[in-house]
Every structure is written in structure tokens, then in C-alpha cells.
């Protein structure tokens, strides 16, 4: 373990400790989260997902940061994505059970999703996750890769957020063998559908936070995909 790893562990522990040790801090967080859901989604993803990418960078290079990485642009992008993800989760959380209720065999799923754990609630959470990860997720993952390339092209400068994005160039240059063969084909069914099934079983005000925590793992997946892209 490097000195930088020890420092990161200490900083993460110091950041999380107040939420576990102080009822006042936790209650304040909960109240603010309920009153400001979208801004909190921005902060959760800006912090946690960027940290996940830094962990991925640590795996690839041995360092949590390197010149051209662009911590601030990554935080802005992830914050905006966080609000988009929070909105998508709300839409799928409400829409999928309502649609399933129209089928006799699934009637009652909307009610089950508001109660305690049951087999019907598990089934509803699975279908919500399945629909979100087979429709929203591929678009999100592809757009994230494009914006990641945009930040890298501008060497991590803030101008990456204000400059025109050459969408056609980035889309055509994507390594679709890795994007499809690993990111879509493997991570979605093996990790994301089960992870988000668990997410939608949690209380509503905990779901975005859990999704943001899962985004830390996404950073690790992205680092693996980047290594695969170089090797293909």
C-alpha cells in the first residue's frame, strides 16, 4: 500500500464518520436530501462517481491523479449526469409498476413497491431495473464515454465543458467491440441489473445515494474497459 492509499482511506473515513457517529448530522442530511433531491443528486454523483474514476486511474497508472485528468470537469459532468439519473430513476420507478399493473398476472405491483419486502416487490424492482438498464443505461454509458474523451482531448481543462463536442468523430472512433462486448454485454446483465434491483428495493430517499455508490464501481469498470480498448 502506498502512502497515497493510506491518505485516501483516512480522508474517506473522516468524510463518512460524521454520518455514522452523529444523529444530528445524519438527520440534517436526510432532511436536506428530501427537500433538495436534485441538487443532492448532483453532489452525490459529483463526489462519489469522480472518486470512482480516480480509483480507476489508480488501477491503471498507480496514481489517483495525473496531469490532464480534469477533476473539476469530471465532477461537473458527473453532477449533471447525477440529476439525469435521478430523474430517470423516478420515471422508471413510477412508470414500470403502473404499466405492469395493466396485466392481470402483475396486478398489485404498484402497491407492493410502496410496502415492505415481498416476492411481488422483488419482481417489480427487477422489472424496473431491467427496463432502465436496457434502455436508458446504454445511452448514458455511451454519452459518458464521449464526454470522457472530450475532457481528455482538452487535457482536463475547463474548456472541455464549453467547447463544441465533435459527436460524429467520437462516436465513430469508439471501440464498439469493448463498448458492446464488455460494457453492455457483461456489466449490464451481470452487475447493473442485479445492483439496481437491490436499489429499487431500498427506501426511495436512499435509492439515489446507493446508485451513486454503485457509480464508484462504474469507475472501476471504465478503467478496465479503457485497458481493454488499448489492447484491442
Protein backbone atom coordinates (compact mmCIF):
# COMPACT_ATOMS: atom_id res chain seq x y z
CA UNK A 1 0.00 0.00 0.00
CA UNK A 2 1.32 3.40 -1.00
CA UNK A 3 1.27 6.47 1.21
CA UNK A 4 -1.37 7.97 -1.09
CA UNK A 5 -3.62 4.94 -0.47
CA UNK A 6 -3.37 5.43 3.28
CA UNK A 7 -4.19 9.14 2.93
CA UNK A 8 -7.23 8.36 0.77
CA UNK A 9 -8.52 5.78 3.26
CA UNK A 10 -8.16 8.27 6.13
CA UNK A 11 -9.91 11.03 4.16
CA UNK A 12 -12.79 8.74 3.16
CA UNK A 13 -13.20 7.56 6.76
CA UNK A 14 -13.15 11.16 8.03
CA UNK A 15 -15.75 12.16 5.44
CA UNK A 16 -18.13 9.30 6.26
CA UNK A 17 -17.67 9.13 10.04
CA UNK A 18 -19.98 12.06 10.98
CA UNK A 19 -22.91 10.39 9.18
CA UNK A 20 -22.49 7.25 11.29
CA UNK A 21 -21.45 8.82 14.59
CA UNK A 22 -23.77 11.82 14.79
CA UNK A 23 -27.55 11.50 14.70
CA UNK A 24 -27.74 15.27 14.17
CA UNK A 25 -25.57 15.17 11.06
CA UNK A 26 -27.47 12.22 9.64
CA UNK A 27 -30.86 13.81 10.37
CA UNK A 28 -29.69 17.05 8.76
CA UNK A 29 -28.52 15.16 5.69
CA UNK A 30 -31.82 13.27 5.43
CA UNK A 31 -33.90 16.44 5.74
CA UNK A 32 -31.80 18.32 3.19
CA UNK A 33 -31.86 15.33 0.83
CA UNK A 34 -35.67 15.21 0.86
CA UNK A 35 -36.02 18.95 0.36
CA UNK A 36 -33.34 19.29 -2.33
CA UNK A 37 -33.35 15.97 -4.17
CA UNK A 38 -31.86 17.14 -7.47
CA UNK A 39 -29.08 19.30 -6.02
CA UNK A 40 -28.15 16.44 -3.70
CA UNK A 41 -28.10 14.07 -6.67
CA UNK A 42 -25.64 16.47 -8.32
CA UNK A 43 -23.38 16.46 -5.24
CA UNK A 44 -23.57 12.71 -4.64
CA UNK A 45 -22.54 11.81 -8.15
CA UNK A 46 -20.04 14.65 -8.49
CA UNK A 47 -18.19 13.40 -5.42
CA UNK A 48 -18.68 9.63 -5.47
CA UNK A 49 -18.56 8.93 -9.20
CA UNK A 50 -15.49 11.13 -9.70
CA UNK A 51 -13.85 9.32 -6.81
CA UNK A 52 -14.68 6.06 -8.59
CA UNK A 53 -12.89 7.30 -11.71
CA UNK A 54 -9.91 8.28 -9.59
CA UNK A 55 -9.84 4.75 -8.20
CA UNK A 56 -9.90 3.51 -11.77
CA UNK A 57 -6.99 5.80 -12.58
CA UNK A 58 -5.14 4.35 -9.58
CA UNK A 59 -5.60 0.87 -11.03
CA UNK A 60 -4.40 1.92 -14.49
CA UNK A 61 -1.48 4.18 -13.58
CA UNK A 62 -0.74 3.69 -9.88
CA UNK A 63 -1.82 7.28 -9.15
CA UNK A 64 -5.13 8.85 -8.14
CA UNK A 65 -4.47 11.91 -10.23
CA UNK A 66 -2.40 12.79 -13.23
CA UNK A 67 -1.99 15.84 -15.42
CA UNK A 68 -4.85 16.15 -17.85
CA UNK A 69 -7.31 14.10 -15.80
CA UNK A 70 -9.53 17.11 -15.08
CA UNK A 71 -11.08 16.59 -11.64
CA UNK A 72 -13.38 19.63 -11.87
CA UNK A 73 -14.73 18.86 -15.38
CA UNK A 74 -15.35 15.27 -14.31
CA UNK A 75 -17.22 16.45 -11.22
CA UNK A 76 -19.40 18.80 -13.29
CA UNK A 77 -20.18 16.10 -15.85
CA UNK A 78 -20.98 13.54 -13.18
CA UNK A 79 -23.09 16.05 -11.26
CA UNK A 80 -25.24 16.73 -14.32
CA UNK A 81 -25.42 13.00 -15.03
CA UNK A 82 -26.48 12.51 -11.40
CA UNK A 83 -29.52 14.72 -11.89
CA UNK A 84 -30.32 12.92 -15.15
CA UNK A 85 -30.01 9.54 -13.43
CA UNK A 86 -32.17 10.68 -10.50
CA UNK A 87 -34.87 11.82 -12.93
CA UNK A 88 -34.67 8.55 -14.89
CA UNK A 89 -34.93 6.52 -11.69
CA UNK A 90 -38.06 8.40 -10.72
CA UNK A 91 -39.63 7.91 -14.14
CA UNK A 92 -38.90 4.17 -14.26
CA UNK A 93 -39.79 3.70 -10.57
CA UNK A 94 -43.28 5.13 -11.17
CA UNK A 95 -43.87 4.16 -14.80
CA UNK A 96 -42.86 0.50 -14.90
CA UNK A 97 -45.09 -0.64 -11.98
CA UNK A 98 -48.01 1.36 -13.41
CA UNK A 99 -47.52 -0.40 -16.76
CA UNK A 100 -47.21 -3.84 -15.14
CA UNK A 101 -50.46 -3.25 -13.22
CA UNK A 102 -52.29 -3.34 -16.57
CA UNK A 103 -51.51 -7.07 -16.79
CA UNK A 104 -53.64 -9.34 -14.59
CA UNK A 105 -50.68 -11.51 -13.59
CA UNK A 106 -48.75 -8.45 -12.32
CA UNK A 107 -51.69 -6.54 -10.85
CA UNK A 108 -50.75 -5.04 -7.49
CA UNK A 109 -47.07 -4.37 -8.16
CA UNK A 110 -47.51 -0.59 -7.70
CA UNK A 111 -48.89 -1.21 -4.22
CA UNK A 112 -46.22 -3.78 -3.44
CA UNK A 113 -43.45 -1.30 -4.31
CA UNK A 114 -44.69 1.03 -1.54
CA UNK A 115 -44.67 -1.66 1.16
CA UNK A 116 -42.23 -4.00 2.82
CA UNK A 117 -40.26 -6.74 1.12
CA UNK A 118 -42.38 -9.32 -0.71
CA UNK A 119 -41.92 -11.53 -3.73
CA UNK A 120 -44.08 -9.14 -5.73
CA UNK A 121 -41.89 -6.18 -4.71
CA UNK A 122 -38.76 -8.09 -5.72
CA UNK A 123 -40.34 -8.82 -9.09
CA UNK A 124 -41.26 -5.16 -9.53
CA UNK A 125 -37.75 -3.99 -8.61
CA UNK A 126 -36.29 -6.45 -11.11
CA UNK A 127 -38.51 -5.21 -13.95
CA UNK A 128 -37.74 -1.56 -13.14
CA UNK A 129 -34.02 -2.34 -13.21
CA UNK A 130 -34.37 -4.42 -16.38
CA UNK A 131 -36.18 -1.65 -18.26
CA UNK A 132 -33.83 1.09 -17.08
CA UNK A 133 -30.67 -0.84 -17.86
CA UNK A 134 -31.76 -2.00 -21.31
CA UNK A 135 -32.98 1.42 -22.49
CA UNK A 136 -31.54 4.33 -20.51
CA UNK A 137 -28.21 2.80 -19.44
CA UNK A 138 -26.64 2.15 -22.89
CA UNK A 139 -27.35 5.73 -23.99
CA UNK A 140 -25.96 7.08 -20.73
CA UNK A 141 -22.83 4.92 -20.88
CA UNK A 142 -22.10 5.90 -24.47
CA UNK A 143 -22.60 9.60 -23.79
CA UNK A 144 -20.38 9.36 -20.73
CA UNK A 145 -17.61 7.81 -22.81
CA UNK A 146 -17.93 10.62 -25.37
CA UNK A 147 -17.68 13.31 -22.70
CA UNK A 148 -14.76 11.48 -21.11
CA UNK A 149 -12.98 11.69 -24.48
CA UNK A 150 -13.88 15.38 -24.69
CA UNK A 151 -12.24 16.06 -21.32
CA UNK A 152 -9.17 14.06 -22.31
CA UNK A 153 -8.85 15.94 -25.63
CA UNK A 154 -8.78 19.24 -23.74
CA UNK A 155 -6.26 17.77 -21.26
CA UNK A 156 -8.63 18.21 -18.33
CA UNK A 157 -9.13 21.94 -18.82
CA UNK A 158 -12.45 23.61 -18.05
CA UNK A 159 -12.71 24.50 -21.75
CA UNK A 160 -13.78 20.87 -22.31
CA UNK A 161 -17.17 21.87 -20.88
CA UNK A 162 -17.64 24.92 -23.06
CA UNK A 163 -16.18 23.78 -26.38
CA UNK A 164 -18.07 22.09 -29.19
CA UNK A 165 -18.17 18.30 -28.89
CA UNK A 166 -17.30 16.54 -32.20
CA UNK A 167 -20.01 13.92 -31.74
CA UNK A 168 -19.60 12.26 -35.14
CA UNK A 169 -15.86 11.84 -34.64
CA UNK A 170 -16.16 10.49 -31.12
CA UNK A 171 -18.99 8.10 -31.96
CA UNK A 172 -17.17 6.66 -34.98
CA UNK A 173 -13.92 6.30 -33.04
CA UNK A 174 -15.43 4.43 -30.08
CA UNK A 175 -14.14 0.90 -29.61
CA UNK A 176 -17.53 -0.76 -30.09
CA UNK A 177 -16.03 -4.20 -29.58
CA UNK A 178 -15.29 -3.24 -25.96
CA UNK A 179 -18.35 -0.99 -25.55
CA UNK A 180 -20.67 -3.79 -26.64
CA UNK A 181 -18.67 -6.87 -25.65
CA UNK A 182 -17.75 -5.69 -22.14
CA UNK A 183 -19.61 -2.55 -21.04
CA UNK A 184 -23.05 -3.52 -22.42
CA UNK A 185 -22.96 -7.29 -22.76
CA UNK A 186 -21.23 -8.12 -19.47
CA UNK A 187 -21.57 -5.31 -16.93
CA UNK A 188 -25.28 -4.66 -17.54
CA UNK A 189 -26.64 -8.22 -17.00
CA UNK A 190 -24.00 -9.39 -14.54
CA UNK A 191 -23.74 -6.30 -12.32
CA UNK A 192 -26.08 -3.41 -13.11
CA UNK A 193 -29.41 -5.24 -13.35
CA UNK A 194 -28.88 -7.07 -10.01
CA UNK A 195 -27.42 -3.93 -8.37
CA UNK A 196 -30.33 -1.74 -9.42
CA UNK A 197 -32.83 -4.44 -8.46
CA UNK A 198 -31.44 -4.06 -4.95
CA UNK A 199 -31.52 -0.27 -5.36
CA UNK A 200 -35.27 -0.21 -6.05
CA UNK A 201 -35.93 -2.39 -3.01
CA UNK A 202 -34.50 0.34 -0.77
CA UNK A 203 -36.49 3.27 0.65
CA UNK A 204 -36.96 5.96 -2.00
CA UNK A 205 -34.74 8.54 -0.29
CA UNK A 206 -31.86 6.03 -0.21
CA UNK A 207 -32.02 4.94 -3.84
CA UNK A 208 -30.07 7.77 -5.47
CA UNK A 209 -27.35 7.55 -2.82
CA UNK A 210 -26.99 3.81 -3.39
CA UNK A 211 -26.88 4.39 -7.15
CA UNK A 212 -24.15 6.98 -6.61
CA UNK A 213 -22.19 4.48 -4.52
CA UNK A 214 -22.57 1.96 -7.35
CA UNK A 215 -21.06 4.59 -9.66
CA UNK A 216 -17.79 4.15 -7.76
CA UNK A 217 -17.77 0.62 -9.15
CA UNK A 218 -18.60 2.06 -12.58
CA UNK A 219 -15.33 3.98 -12.40
CA UNK A 220 -13.52 0.69 -11.93
CA UNK A 221 -15.39 -0.84 -14.88
CA UNK A 222 -14.46 2.13 -17.05
CA UNK A 223 -10.79 1.70 -16.18
CA UNK A 224 -10.97 -1.97 -17.17
CA UNK A 225 -12.72 -1.01 -20.42
CA UNK A 226 -10.01 1.58 -21.15
CA UNK A 227 -7.31 -1.05 -20.70
CA UNK A 228 -9.23 -3.45 -22.95
CA UNK A 229 -9.57 -0.73 -25.60
CA UNK A 230 -5.81 -0.23 -25.68
CA UNK A 231 -5.23 -3.95 -26.02
CA UNK A 232 -7.69 -4.39 -28.91
